[in-house]
Amino acid sequence: MKRYHGNEKVGPGIYFNVRELVFRSVEDEGRLPGGETDVWRQVPALVMLVLAPVLALAYVIFLPLVGFLMLGGLALGWLGRQLLHAVRAAGRVLSPAWQPALAFLGRGRKKEDAERAKPEADLWAAEVRRALNETEPPAAKEKES
């Protein structure tokens, strides 16, 4: 088989791109697609007569097989995720709650410490509450009197 490069002028025939695994039929004299790095080989017509039924048989056999394999892969992926989730949940349930490195040496806070730890009153919030309570709608004031 003779070797050609992309964009090279060739005669009529069937050409095979080695890198992309593509067949290209050229009816009249013309140029092959691609650049200088693309390698094309001319395939004789007798070889194509033998190769075409073999390629068709491979297509007929492997197309349904690919569908079943993809469906099986999706099902196994879903099953694996569910199983992983179940194993992690079981690990959380079965893990002990005892933490030996955790020590409670303080015995709780004293009353003075608890009073000092109280947050200071928010003066702005108190002012806003008072202002909102003062501005009641007039209808509410009339009902009260």
C-alpha atoms as a PDB file:
ATOM      1  CA  MET A   1       0.000   0.000   0.000  1.00  0.00           C
ATOM      2  CA  LYS A   2       1.356   3.344  -1.030  1.00  0.00           C
ATOM      3  CA  ARG A   3       1.734   6.058   1.584  1.00  0.00           C
ATOM      4  CA  TYR A   4       0.312   9.579   1.151  1.00  0.00           C
ATOM      5  CA  HIS A   5       0.184  12.682   3.342  1.00  0.00           C
ATOM      6  CA  GLY A   6      -2.710  15.054   3.966  1.00  0.00           C
ATOM      7  CA  ASN A   7      -3.489  17.702   1.345  1.00  0.00           C
ATOM      8  CA  GLU A   8      -1.642  15.642  -1.281  1.00  0.00           C
ATOM      9  CA  LYS A   9      -3.186  15.319  -4.756  1.00  0.00           C
ATOM     10  CA  VAL A  10      -4.263  11.721  -5.418  1.00  0.00           C
ATOM     11  CA  GLY A  11      -6.154   9.740  -8.017  1.00  0.00           C
ATOM     12  CA  PRO A  12      -9.498   7.989  -7.556  1.00  0.00           C
ATOM     13  CA  GLY A  13      -9.577   5.205  -4.966  1.00  0.00           C
ATOM     14  CA  ILE A  14     -10.133   4.328  -1.308  1.00  0.00           C
ATOM     15  CA  TYR A  15      -7.736   5.770   1.266  1.00  0.00           C
ATOM     16  CA  PHE A  16      -7.282   4.880   4.939  1.00  0.00           C
ATOM     17  CA  ASN A  17      -6.081   7.307   7.631  1.00  0.00           C
ATOM     18  CA  VAL A  18      -3.841   5.355   9.999  1.00  0.00           C
ATOM     19  CA  ARG A  19      -4.047   7.765  12.940  1.00  0.00           C
ATOM     20  CA  GLU A  20      -7.830   8.402  12.913  1.00  0.00           C
ATOM     21  CA  LEU A  21      -8.890   4.966  11.561  1.00  0.00           C
ATOM     22  CA  VAL A  22     -11.042   6.567   8.843  1.00  0.00           C
ATOM     23  CA  PHE A  23     -11.731   5.441   5.284  1.00  0.00           C
ATOM     24  CA  ARG A  24     -12.097   8.131   2.611  1.00  0.00           C
ATOM     25  CA  SER A  25     -13.341   7.449  -0.909  1.00  0.00           C
ATOM     26  CA  VAL A  26     -12.088   9.773  -3.644  1.00  0.00           C
ATOM     27  CA  GLU A  27     -14.226   9.590  -6.814  1.00  0.00           C
ATOM     28  CA  ASP A  28     -12.213  11.897  -9.049  1.00  0.00           C
ATOM     29  CA  GLU A  29      -8.685  13.199  -8.843  1.00  0.00           C
ATOM     30  CA  GLY A  30      -8.476  15.453  -5.757  1.00  0.00           C
ATOM     31  CA  ARG A  31      -6.730  16.248  -2.489  1.00  0.00           C
ATOM     32  CA  LEU A  32      -6.816  14.255   0.729  1.00  0.00           C
ATOM     33  CA  PRO A  33      -8.097  16.041   3.854  1.00  0.00           C
ATOM     34  CA  GLY A  34      -5.778  16.939   6.719  1.00  0.00           C
ATOM     35  CA  GLY A  35      -2.305  18.367   7.081  1.00  0.00           C
ATOM     36  CA  GLU A  36       1.223  17.164   6.436  1.00  0.00           C
ATOM     37  CA  THR A  37       1.253  15.092   9.637  1.00  0.00           C
ATOM     38  CA  ASP A  38      -1.740  12.957   8.563  1.00  0.00           C
ATOM     39  CA  VAL A  39      -0.727   9.655   6.977  1.00  0.00           C
ATOM     40  CA  TRP A  40      -3.048   8.045   4.414  1.00  0.00           C
ATOM     41  CA  ARG A  41      -2.629   4.694   2.679  1.00  0.00           C
ATOM     42  CA  GLN A  42      -4.333   3.649  -0.527  1.00  0.00           C
ATOM     43  CA  VAL A  43      -6.350   0.459  -0.092  1.00  0.00           C
ATOM     44  CA  PRO A  44      -6.758  -1.768  -3.166  1.00  0.00           C
ATOM     45  CA  ALA A  45     -10.340  -2.523  -4.215  1.00  0.00           C
ATOM     46  CA  LEU A  46      -9.789  -6.305  -3.857  1.00  0.00           C
ATOM     47  CA  VAL A  47      -8.779  -5.867  -0.205  1.00  0.00           C
ATOM     48  CA  MET A  48     -11.892  -3.745   0.414  1.00  0.00           C
ATOM     49  CA  LEU A  49     -14.092  -6.495  -1.074  1.00  0.00           C
ATOM     50  CA  VAL A  50     -12.763  -8.898   1.556  1.00  0.00           C
ATOM     51  CA  LEU A  51     -12.547  -6.359   4.390  1.00  0.00           C
ATOM     52  CA  ALA A  52     -16.042  -4.831   4.011  1.00  0.00           C
ATOM     53  CA  PRO A  53     -18.041  -7.939   5.116  1.00  0.00           C
ATOM     54  CA  VAL A  54     -15.655  -8.488   8.034  1.00  0.00           C
ATOM     55  CA  LEU A  55     -16.101  -4.895   9.217  1.00  0.00           C
ATOM     56  CA  ALA A  56     -19.889  -5.170   8.796  1.00  0.00           C
ATOM     57  CA  LEU A  57     -19.958  -8.386  10.841  1.00  0.00           C
ATOM     58  CA  ALA A  58     -17.906  -6.758  13.605  1.00  0.00           C
ATOM     59  CA  TYR A  59     -20.337  -3.814  13.609  1.00  0.00           C
ATOM     60  CA  VAL A  60     -23.384  -6.107  13.825  1.00  0.00           C
ATOM     61  CA  ILE A  61     -21.881  -8.171  16.656  1.00  0.00           C
ATOM     62  CA  PHE A  62     -20.303  -5.457  18.786  1.00  0.00           C
ATOM     63  CA  LEU A  63     -22.938  -2.697  18.563  1.00  0.00           C
ATOM     64  CA  PRO A  64     -25.486  -4.527  20.760  1.00  0.00           C
ATOM     65  CA  LEU A  65     -22.671  -5.778  22.979  1.00  0.00           C
ATOM     66  CA  VAL A  66     -21.528  -2.207  23.611  1.00  0.00           C
ATOM     67  CA  GLY A  67     -25.090  -1.258  24.588  1.00  0.00           C
ATOM     68  CA  PHE A  68     -25.345  -4.113  27.085  1.00  0.00           C
ATOM     69  CA  LEU A  69     -21.903  -3.320  28.493  1.00  0.00           C
ATOM     70  CA  MET A  70     -22.821   0.349  28.976  1.00  0.00           C
ATOM     71  CA  LEU A  71     -26.099  -0.584  30.677  1.00  0.00           C
ATOM     72  CA  GLY A  72     -24.269  -3.057  32.930  1.00  0.00           C
ATOM     73  CA  GLY A  73     -21.656  -0.433  33.778  1.00  0.00           C
ATOM     74  CA  LEU A  74     -24.352   2.054  34.776  1.00  0.00           C
ATOM     75  CA  ALA A  75     -26.124  -0.563  36.926  1.00  0.00           C
ATOM     76  CA  LEU A  76     -22.888  -1.646  38.623  1.00  0.00           C
ATOM     77  CA  GLY A  77     -21.923   1.976  39.269  1.00  0.00           C
ATOM     78  CA  TRP A  78     -25.274   2.692  40.910  1.00  0.00           C
ATOM     79  CA  LEU A  79     -25.063  -0.522  42.949  1.00  0.00           C
ATOM     80  CA  GLY A  80     -21.509   0.337  44.034  1.00  0.00           C
ATOM     81  CA  ARG A  81     -22.555   3.812  45.211  1.00  0.00           C
ATOM     82  CA  GLN A  82     -25.474   2.354  47.191  1.00  0.00           C
ATOM     83  CA  LEU A  83     -23.247  -0.296  48.747  1.00  0.00           C
ATOM     84  CA  LEU A  84     -20.619   2.297  49.676  1.00  0.00           C
ATOM     85  CA  HIS A  85     -23.301   4.456  51.296  1.00  0.00           C
ATOM     86  CA  ALA A  86     -24.575   1.441  53.300  1.00  0.00           C
ATOM     87  CA  VAL A  87     -21.052   0.490  54.450  1.00  0.00           C
ATOM     88  CA  ARG A  88     -20.338   4.056  55.585  1.00  0.00           C
ATOM     89  CA  ALA A  89     -23.647   4.214  57.470  1.00  0.00           C
ATOM     90  CA  ALA A  90     -22.906   0.883  59.160  1.00  0.00           C
ATOM     91  CA  GLY A  91     -19.459   2.157  60.078  1.00  0.00           C
ATOM     92  CA  ARG A  92     -20.956   5.234  61.729  1.00  0.00           C
ATOM     93  CA  VAL A  93     -23.421   3.119  63.716  1.00  0.00           C
ATOM     94  CA  LEU A  94     -20.893   0.513  64.776  1.00  0.00           C
ATOM     95  CA  SER A  95     -18.070   2.891  65.689  1.00  0.00           C
ATOM     96  CA  PRO A  96     -17.696   3.357  69.467  1.00  0.00           C
ATOM     97  CA  ALA A  97     -18.697   6.688  70.997  1.00  0.00           C
ATOM     98  CA  TRP A  98     -15.972   6.401  73.640  1.00  0.00           C
ATOM     99  CA  GLN A  99     -13.185   8.943  73.108  1.00  0.00           C
ATOM    100  CA  PRO A 100     -10.258   8.047  75.363  1.00  0.00           C
ATOM    101  CA  ALA A 101      -8.215  11.159  74.533  1.00  0.00           C
ATOM    102  CA  LEU A 102     -11.001  13.506  75.670  1.00  0.00           C
ATOM    103  CA  ALA A 103     -10.674  14.580  79.303  1.00  0.00           C
ATOM    104  CA  PHE A 104     -13.184  16.444  81.457  1.00  0.00           C
ATOM    105  CA  LEU A 105     -10.965  17.897  84.156  1.00  0.00           C
ATOM    106  CA  GLY A 106     -12.825  21.170  84.688  1.00  0.00           C
ATOM    107  CA  ARG A 107     -15.854  19.733  86.534  1.00  0.00           C
ATOM    108  CA  GLY A 108     -18.011  22.542  85.111  1.00  0.00           C
ATOM    109  CA  ARG A 109     -17.903  26.324  85.570  1.00  0.00           C
ATOM    110  CA  LYS A 110     -18.324  28.275  88.743  1.00  0.00           C
ATOM    111  CA  LYS A 111     -21.180  30.783  89.084  1.00  0.00           C
ATOM    112  CA  GLU A 112     -18.866  33.779  88.809  1.00  0.00           C
ATOM    113  CA  ASP A 113     -17.363  32.452  85.569  1.00  0.00           C
ATOM    114  CA  ALA A 114     -20.843  31.829  84.134  1.00  0.00           C
ATOM    115  CA  GLU A 115     -21.938  35.401  84.940  1.00  0.00           C
ATOM    116  CA  ARG A 116     -18.787  36.847  83.365  1.00  0.00           C
ATOM    117  CA  ALA A 117     -19.330  34.747  80.243  1.00  0.00           C
ATOM    118  CA  LYS A 118     -22.795  36.240  79.602  1.00  0.00           C
ATOM    119  CA  PRO A 119     -22.785  38.489  76.536  1.00  0.00           C
ATOM    120  CA  GLU A 120     -23.348  42.179  77.082  1.00  0.00           C
ATOM    121  CA  ALA A 121     -26.700  43.635  76.132  1.00  0.00           C
ATOM    122  CA  ASP A 122     -26.938  44.933  72.597  1.00  0.00           C
ATOM    123  CA  LEU A 123     -27.835  48.631  72.990  1.00  0.00           C
ATOM    124  CA  TRP A 124     -28.727  49.125  69.332  1.00  0.00           C
ATOM    125  CA  ALA A 125     -31.163  46.175  69.356  1.00  0.00           C
ATOM    126  CA  ALA A 126     -32.802  47.515  72.519  1.00  0.00           C
ATOM    127  CA  GLU A 127     -33.272  50.967  70.944  1.00  0.00           C
ATOM    128  CA  VAL A 128     -34.777  49.489  67.780  1.00  0.00           C
ATOM    129  CA  ARG A 129     -37.204  47.330  69.809  1.00  0.00           C
ATOM    130  CA  ARG A 130     -38.307  50.337  71.848  1.00  0.00           C
ATOM    131  CA  ALA A 131     -38.788  52.468  68.710  1.00  0.00           C
ATOM    132  CA  LEU A 132     -40.847  49.737  67.035  1.00  0.00           C
ATOM    133  CA  ASN A 133     -43.050  49.304  70.093  1.00  0.00           C
ATOM    134  CA  GLU A 134     -43.702  53.056  70.275  1.00  0.00           C
ATOM    135  CA  THR A 135     -44.897  53.351  66.695  1.00  0.00           C
ATOM    136  CA  GLU A 136     -48.081  51.325  66.727  1.00  0.00           C
ATOM    137  CA  PRO A 137     -50.696  51.938  64.009  1.00  0.00           C
ATOM    138  CA  PRO A 138     -53.416  54.466  64.940  1.00  0.00           C
ATOM    139  CA  ALA A 139     -56.160  51.872  64.553  1.00  0.00           C
ATOM    140  CA  ALA A 140     -54.592  49.752  67.303  1.00  0.00           C
ATOM    141  CA  LYS A 141     -54.491  52.755  69.710  1.00  0.00           C
ATOM    142  CA  GLU A 142     -58.152  53.555  69.103  1.00  0.00           C
ATOM    143  CA  LYS A 143     -59.263  49.989  69.834  1.00  0.00           C
ATOM    144  CA  GLU A 144     -57.405  50.023  73.153  1.00  0.00           C
ATOM    145  CA  SER A 145     -59.234  53.202  74.368  1.00  0.00           C
END
